[in-house]
C-alpha atoms as a PDB file:
ATOM      1  CA  UNK A   1      27.755 -98.392 126.033  1.00  0.00           C
ATOM      2  CA  UNK A   2      24.375 -98.832 128.093  1.00  0.00           C
ATOM      3  CA  UNK A   3      25.251 -96.084 130.335  1.00  0.00           C
ATOM      4  CA  UNK A   4      23.829 -92.562 130.090  1.00  0.00           C
ATOM      5  CA  UNK A   5      26.286 -89.604 130.368  1.00  0.00           C
ATOM      6  CA  UNK A   6      25.299 -85.670 131.417  1.00  0.00           C
ATOM      7  CA  UNK A   7      27.828 -83.241 132.652  1.00  0.00           C
ATOM      8  CA  UNK A   8      27.993 -82.563 136.487  1.00  0.00           C
ATOM      9  CA  UNK A   9      29.084 -79.342 139.012  1.00  0.00           C
ATOM     10  CA  UNK A  10      32.296 -80.880 140.819  1.00  0.00           C
ATOM     11  CA  UNK A  11      33.966 -77.526 142.511  1.00  0.00           C
ATOM     12  CA  UNK A  12      33.624 -74.670 140.248  1.00  0.00           C
ATOM     13  CA  UNK A  13      34.015 -76.746 137.073  1.00  0.00           C
ATOM     14  CA  UNK A  14      31.516 -79.263 135.280  1.00  0.00           C
ATOM     15  CA  UNK A  15      32.486 -82.429 134.143  1.00  0.00           C
ATOM     16  CA  UNK A  16      31.547 -85.550 132.363  1.00  0.00           C
ATOM     17  CA  UNK A  17      29.800 -88.238 134.824  1.00  0.00           C
ATOM     18  CA  UNK A  18      28.010 -91.471 134.016  1.00  0.00           C
ATOM     19  CA  UNK A  19      25.039 -93.802 135.102  1.00  0.00           C
ATOM     20  CA  UNK A  20      24.853 -96.877 134.337  1.00  0.00           C
ATOM     21  CA  UNK A  21      22.205 -98.045 135.789  1.00  0.00           C
ATOM     22  CA  UNK A  22      23.413 -98.465 138.802  1.00  0.00           C
ATOM     23  CA  UNK A  23      25.832 -95.998 140.116  1.00  0.00           C
ATOM     24  CA  UNK A  24      27.138 -93.146 139.161  1.00  0.00           C
ATOM     25  CA  UNK A  25      31.092 -91.657 138.147  1.00  0.00           C
ATOM     26  CA  UNK A  26      32.471 -89.151 137.987  1.00  0.00           C
ATOM     27  CA  UNK A  27      35.366 -87.920 135.026  1.00  0.00           C
ATOM     28  CA  UNK A  28      38.051 -86.097 135.408  1.00  0.00           C
ATOM     29  CA  UNK A  29      38.787 -83.078 132.833  1.00  0.00           C
ATOM     30  CA  UNK A  30      41.563 -82.801 130.674  1.00  0.00           C
ATOM     31  CA  UNK A  31      43.228 -79.809 132.796  1.00  0.00           C
ATOM     32  CA  UNK A  32      42.172 -77.096 135.313  1.00  0.00           C
ATOM     33  CA  UNK A  33      39.985 -75.173 132.953  1.00  0.00           C
ATOM     34  CA  UNK A  34      36.217 -74.239 133.116  1.00  0.00           C
ATOM     35  CA  UNK A  35      35.660 -77.154 132.031  1.00  0.00           C
ATOM     36  CA  UNK A  36      32.472 -78.667 129.557  1.00  0.00           C
ATOM     37  CA  UNK A  37      29.578 -76.381 128.324  1.00  0.00           C
ATOM     38  CA  UNK A  38      26.103 -76.879 128.452  1.00  0.00           C
ATOM     39  CA  UNK A  39      24.448 -72.751 127.488  1.00  0.00           C
ATOM     40  CA  UNK A  40      21.544 -72.513 125.475  1.00  0.00           C
ATOM     41  CA  UNK A  41      22.150 -74.848 122.395  1.00  0.00           C
ATOM     42  CA  UNK A  42      25.026 -75.513 122.652  1.00  0.00           C
ATOM     43  CA  UNK A  43      25.144 -79.111 124.637  1.00  0.00           C
ATOM     44  CA  UNK A  44      26.718 -82.628 124.613  1.00  0.00           C
ATOM     45  CA  UNK A  45      25.683 -84.894 121.928  1.00  0.00           C
ATOM     46  CA  UNK A  46      26.509 -89.315 121.104  1.00  0.00           C
ATOM     47  CA  UNK A  47      28.298 -89.434 117.597  1.00  0.00           C
ATOM     48  CA  UNK A  48      29.552 -92.106 116.600  1.00  0.00           C
ATOM     49  CA  UNK A  49      29.929 -94.294 119.733  1.00  0.00           C
ATOM     50  CA  UNK A  50      32.093 -90.995 121.438  1.00  0.00           C
ATOM     51  CA  UNK A  51      30.058 -88.101 123.436  1.00  0.00           C
ATOM     52  CA  UNK A  52      31.232 -84.726 121.994  1.00  0.00           C
ATOM     53  CA  UNK A  53      31.039 -80.919 124.180  1.00  0.00           C
ATOM     54  CA  UNK A  54      32.359 -77.265 123.951  1.00  0.00           C
ATOM     55  CA  UNK A  55      35.308 -77.909 126.315  1.00  0.00           C
ATOM     56  CA  UNK A  56      37.023 -74.178 128.285  1.00  0.00           C
ATOM     57  CA  UNK A  57      40.344 -74.348 129.263  1.00  0.00           C
ATOM     58  CA  UNK A  58      42.178 -72.528 131.370  1.00  0.00           C
ATOM     59  CA  UNK A  59      43.128 -69.445 129.102  1.00  0.00           C
ATOM     60  CA  UNK A  60      39.525 -69.694 128.229  1.00  0.00           C
ATOM     61  CA  UNK A  61      39.923 -70.836 124.762  1.00  0.00           C
ATOM     62  CA  UNK A  62      37.180 -73.560 123.780  1.00  0.00           C
ATOM     63  CA  UNK A  63      37.910 -76.295 121.890  1.00  0.00           C
ATOM     64  CA  UNK A  64      35.781 -79.273 120.683  1.00  0.00           C
ATOM     65  CA  UNK A  65      35.623 -82.307 123.312  1.00  0.00           C
ATOM     66  CA  UNK A  66      35.988 -85.971 122.204  1.00  0.00           C
ATOM     67  CA  UNK A  67      34.958 -88.501 125.111  1.00  0.00           C
ATOM     68  CA  UNK A  68      36.038 -92.049 124.119  1.00  0.00           C
ATOM     69  CA  UNK A  69      34.521 -93.383 127.795  1.00  0.00           C
ATOM     70  CA  UNK A  70      38.219 -93.586 129.199  1.00  0.00           C
ATOM     71  CA  UNK A  71      39.990 -89.985 127.913  1.00  0.00           C
ATOM     72  CA  UNK A  72      39.111 -86.917 126.714  1.00  0.00           C
ATOM     73  CA  UNK A  73      40.658 -85.381 123.296  1.00  0.00           C
ATOM     74  CA  UNK A  74      40.637 -81.053 122.639  1.00  0.00           C
ATOM     75  CA  UNK A  75      40.085 -80.947 119.103  1.00  0.00           C
ATOM     76  CA  UNK A  76      41.057 -77.021 118.425  1.00  0.00           C
ATOM     77  CA  UNK A  77      39.176 -75.032 115.795  1.00  0.00           C
ATOM     78  CA  UNK A  78      39.826 -75.089 112.033  1.00  0.00           C
ATOM     79  CA  UNK A  79      42.521 -71.908 112.381  1.00  0.00           C
ATOM     80  CA  UNK A  80      44.097 -71.237 115.777  1.00  0.00           C
ATOM     81  CA  UNK A  81      44.493 -67.305 116.328  1.00  0.00           C
ATOM     82  CA  UNK A  82      42.891 -64.596 118.906  1.00  0.00           C
ATOM     83  CA  UNK A  83      39.530 -63.697 116.325  1.00  0.00           C
ATOM     84  CA  UNK A  84      38.898 -67.999 115.547  1.00  0.00           C
ATOM     85  CA  UNK A  85      37.348 -69.427 118.119  1.00  0.00           C
ATOM     86  CA  UNK A  86      34.390 -71.505 118.973  1.00  0.00           C
ATOM     87  CA  UNK A  87      30.508 -69.814 119.569  1.00  0.00           C
ATOM     88  CA  UNK A  88      29.466 -70.455 123.241  1.00  0.00           C
ATOM     89  CA  UNK A  89      25.951 -70.886 122.121  1.00  0.00           C
ATOM     90  CA  UNK A  90      26.561 -72.951 119.580  1.00  0.00           C
ATOM     91  CA  UNK A  91      25.299 -76.417 118.942  1.00  0.00           C
ATOM     92  CA  UNK A  92      26.961 -79.636 118.108  1.00  0.00           C
ATOM     93  CA  UNK A  93      25.183 -81.621 114.886  1.00  0.00           C
ATOM     94  CA  UNK A  94      25.349 -84.740 113.781  1.00  0.00           C
ATOM     95  CA  UNK A  95      24.455 -84.630 110.376  1.00  0.00           C
ATOM     96  CA  UNK A  96      25.233 -88.468 107.576  1.00  0.00           C
ATOM     97  CA  UNK A  97      27.291 -89.942 109.865  1.00  0.00           C
ATOM     98  CA  UNK A  98      29.399 -86.530 110.249  1.00  0.00           C
ATOM     99  CA  UNK A  99      29.450 -84.388 112.766  1.00  0.00           C
ATOM    100  CA  UNK A 100      29.343 -80.172 112.693  1.00  0.00           C
ATOM    101  CA  UNK A 101      30.385 -77.383 114.617  1.00  0.00           C
ATOM    102  CA  UNK A 102      30.199 -73.154 113.483  1.00  0.00           C
ATOM    103  CA  UNK A 103      32.852 -71.408 115.029  1.00  0.00           C
ATOM    104  CA  UNK A 104      33.749 -67.638 115.040  1.00  0.00           C
ATOM    105  CA  UNK A 105      36.125 -65.893 112.510  1.00  0.00           C
ATOM    106  CA  UNK A 106      37.945 -63.539 110.986  1.00  0.00           C
ATOM    107  CA  UNK A 107      36.354 -63.707 107.997  1.00  0.00           C
ATOM    108  CA  UNK A 108      32.213 -63.244 109.770  1.00  0.00           C
ATOM    109  CA  UNK A 109      31.274 -60.500 111.412  1.00  0.00           C
ATOM    110  CA  UNK A 110      29.473 -60.492 114.637  1.00  0.00           C
ATOM    111  CA  UNK A 111      27.162 -62.496 115.591  1.00  0.00           C
ATOM    112  CA  UNK A 112      27.435 -64.416 112.928  1.00  0.00           C
ATOM    113  CA  UNK A 113      29.430 -68.039 112.362  1.00  0.00           C
ATOM    114  CA  UNK A 114      31.094 -70.668 109.711  1.00  0.00           C
ATOM    115  CA  UNK A 115      30.795 -73.906 109.642  1.00  0.00           C
ATOM    116  CA  UNK A 116      33.091 -76.794 110.496  1.00  0.00           C
ATOM    117  CA  UNK A 117      32.925 -81.087 109.724  1.00  0.00           C
ATOM    118  CA  UNK A 118      35.165 -82.850 111.692  1.00  0.00           C
ATOM    119  CA  UNK A 119      37.829 -84.661 110.285  1.00  0.00           C
ATOM    120  CA  UNK A 120      39.441 -87.474 112.583  1.00  0.00           C
ATOM    121  CA  UNK A 121      41.475 -85.259 115.059  1.00  0.00           C
ATOM    122  CA  UNK A 122      40.760 -81.555 113.351  1.00  0.00           C
ATOM    123  CA  UNK A 123      37.842 -79.568 111.617  1.00  0.00           C
ATOM    124  CA  UNK A 124      37.749 -78.849 108.026  1.00  0.00           C
ATOM    125  CA  UNK A 125      36.238 -75.430 107.852  1.00  0.00           C
ATOM    126  CA  UNK A 126      33.263 -75.289 105.105  1.00  0.00           C
ATOM    127  CA  UNK A 127      33.743 -72.815 102.426  1.00  0.00           C
ATOM    128  CA  UNK A 128      30.870 -70.276 102.872  1.00  0.00           C
ATOM    129  CA  UNK A 129      28.081 -70.294  99.722  1.00  0.00           C
ATOM    130  CA  UNK A 130      28.836 -66.725  98.851  1.00  0.00           C
ATOM    131  CA  UNK A 131      30.813 -63.536  99.449  1.00  0.00           C
ATOM    132  CA  UNK A 132      28.332 -63.270 102.866  1.00  0.00           C
ATOM    133  CA  UNK A 133      28.916 -62.034 106.671  1.00  0.00           C
ATOM    134  CA  UNK A 134      28.280 -66.080 107.818  1.00  0.00           C
ATOM    135  CA  UNK A 135      25.449 -68.498 109.363  1.00  0.00           C
ATOM    136  CA  UNK A 136      23.413 -67.131 112.024  1.00  0.00           C
ATOM    137  CA  UNK A 137      22.149 -69.623 114.670  1.00  0.00           C
ATOM    138  CA  UNK A 138      19.989 -69.392 117.635  1.00  0.00           C
ATOM    139  CA  UNK A 139      19.503 -72.988 117.659  1.00  0.00           C
ATOM    140  CA  UNK A 140      20.688 -76.567 115.938  1.00  0.00           C
ATOM    141  CA  UNK A 141      19.256 -76.330 112.008  1.00  0.00           C
ATOM    142  CA  UNK A 142      16.486 -78.638 111.290  1.00  0.00           C
ATOM    143  CA  UNK A 143      16.754 -81.457 108.965  1.00  0.00           C
ATOM    144  CA  UNK A 144      14.836 -81.804 106.477  1.00  0.00           C
ATOM    145  CA  UNK A 145      15.045 -83.960 103.443  1.00  0.00           C
ATOM    146  CA  UNK A 146      18.206 -85.152 104.299  1.00  0.00           C
ATOM    147  CA  UNK A 147      19.425 -81.209 103.617  1.00  0.00           C
ATOM    148  CA  UNK A 148      20.347 -79.560 106.907  1.00  0.00           C
ATOM    149  CA  UNK A 149      18.512 -75.900 106.500  1.00  0.00           C
ATOM    150  CA  UNK A 150      20.257 -72.741 107.891  1.00  0.00           C
ATOM    151  CA  UNK A 151      19.868 -69.216 108.048  1.00  0.00           C
ATOM    152  CA  UNK A 152      22.617 -67.137 106.263  1.00  0.00           C
ATOM    153  CA  UNK A 153      23.797 -64.124 106.199  1.00  0.00           C
ATOM    154  CA  UNK A 154      24.483 -63.666 101.988  1.00  0.00           C
ATOM    155  CA  UNK A 155      25.495 -61.238  99.762  1.00  0.00           C
ATOM    156  CA  UNK A 156      21.923 -59.609  98.887  1.00  0.00           C
ATOM    157  CA  UNK A 157      20.540 -59.737 102.510  1.00  0.00           C
ATOM    158  CA  UNK A 158      19.102 -62.965 105.190  1.00  0.00           C
ATOM    159  CA  UNK A 159      18.955 -66.380 103.386  1.00  0.00           C
ATOM    160  CA  UNK A 160      17.820 -69.880 103.933  1.00  0.00           C
ATOM    161  CA  UNK A 161      20.212 -71.986 102.698  1.00  0.00           C
ATOM    162  CA  UNK A 162      20.906 -76.021 102.506  1.00  0.00           C
ATOM    163  CA  UNK A 163      23.150 -78.235 102.726  1.00  0.00           C
ATOM    164  CA  UNK A 164      23.130 -81.502 101.956  1.00  0.00           C
ATOM    165  CA  UNK A 165      27.378 -82.580 102.855  1.00  0.00           C
ATOM    166  CA  UNK A 166      28.749 -81.294  99.712  1.00  0.00           C
ATOM    167  CA  UNK A 167      27.357 -78.303  98.341  1.00  0.00           C
ATOM    168  CA  UNK A 168      25.588 -75.519 100.187  1.00  0.00           C
ATOM    169  CA  UNK A 169      22.368 -74.170  97.772  1.00  0.00           C
ATOM    170  CA  UNK A 170      21.097 -70.168  98.433  1.00  0.00           C
ATOM    171  CA  UNK A 171      17.367 -70.481  98.176  1.00  0.00           C
ATOM    172  CA  UNK A 172      15.486 -67.681  97.368  1.00  0.00           C
ATOM    173  CA  UNK A 173      13.257 -66.137  99.202  1.00  0.00           C
ATOM    174  CA  UNK A 174       9.207 -66.345  99.554  1.00  0.00           C
ATOM    175  CA  UNK A 175       8.741 -63.051  95.991  1.00  0.00           C
ATOM    176  CA  UNK A 176       8.064 -59.254  98.745  1.00  0.00           C
ATOM    177  CA  UNK A 177       9.635 -61.148 101.032  1.00  0.00           C
ATOM    178  CA  UNK A 178      12.851 -61.040 104.086  1.00  0.00           C
ATOM    179  CA  UNK A 179      13.570 -63.299 105.935  1.00  0.00           C
ATOM    180  CA  UNK A 180      13.276 -62.913 109.665  1.00  0.00           C
ATOM    181  CA  UNK A 181      16.510 -64.211 111.688  1.00  0.00           C
ATOM    182  CA  UNK A 182      14.910 -63.394 115.391  1.00  0.00           C
ATOM    183  CA  UNK A 183      12.252 -65.993 116.517  1.00  0.00           C
ATOM    184  CA  UNK A 184      12.282 -67.161 113.151  1.00  0.00           C
ATOM    185  CA  UNK A 185      12.392 -71.177 114.366  1.00  0.00           C
ATOM    186  CA  UNK A 186      11.406 -73.719 112.037  1.00  0.00           C
ATOM    187  CA  UNK A 187       8.700 -75.635 112.060  1.00  0.00           C
ATOM    188  CA  UNK A 188       7.823 -79.269 110.612  1.00  0.00           C
ATOM    189  CA  UNK A 189       4.242 -79.234 109.701  1.00  0.00           C
ATOM    190  CA  UNK A 190       2.367 -82.150 107.177  1.00  0.00           C
ATOM    191  CA  UNK A 191       6.262 -83.069 105.218  1.00  0.00           C
ATOM    192  CA  UNK A 192       6.307 -79.470 104.908  1.00  0.00           C
ATOM    193  CA  UNK A 193       9.061 -76.858 106.961  1.00  0.00           C
ATOM    194  CA  UNK A 194       7.410 -74.033 108.574  1.00  0.00           C
ATOM    195  CA  UNK A 195       9.201 -70.269 109.307  1.00  0.00           C
ATOM    196  CA  UNK A 196       8.396 -66.399 109.924  1.00  0.00           C
ATOM    197  CA  UNK A 197       9.050 -64.099 106.814  1.00  0.00           C
ATOM    198  CA  UNK A 198       8.366 -60.684 106.869  1.00  0.00           C
ATOM    199  CA  UNK A 199       6.535 -58.841 103.432  1.00  0.00           C
ATOM    200  CA  UNK A 200       8.623 -56.533 102.744  1.00  0.00           C
END
């Protein structure tokens, strides 16, 4: 809507702010919580005319926040419990006109997450490709050949997984190699997606 939105500090909290080319303005947070997060790869994004971010409420719970230019709506994880929460360093993803966010779940182990899709005012959990421990997220996953490419700890070890918005597909590792999660950022080069593997 012809404005630049960003995060600004006001006192001890972080608020959304707007620059319209002439002046700045700040918006009140929905409660007295810690404010909007901008940590690592967790940054606000624009999607379908709204600004989305992760937000910490007064009880230190993290919500997905949607700002429509006037008000902020807080959206909880798919299941509300002590063991289900958003990861404070995970990216928010806009893919194929849908919004996705990673979250920690009772069915994942430390360092691994599940994927959820926004449906109106709620989030729907996406089932993992198999009984593995979950996704490993250090950076926004690349979008390649109209699919998300994700790192996943499967029942059979570390694997790449592609997601077309409907189905997950586990990609076999190259022969005699192991997928490395640490430092294995993706690079797109000459219409190829390159990443790091370790010879086994």
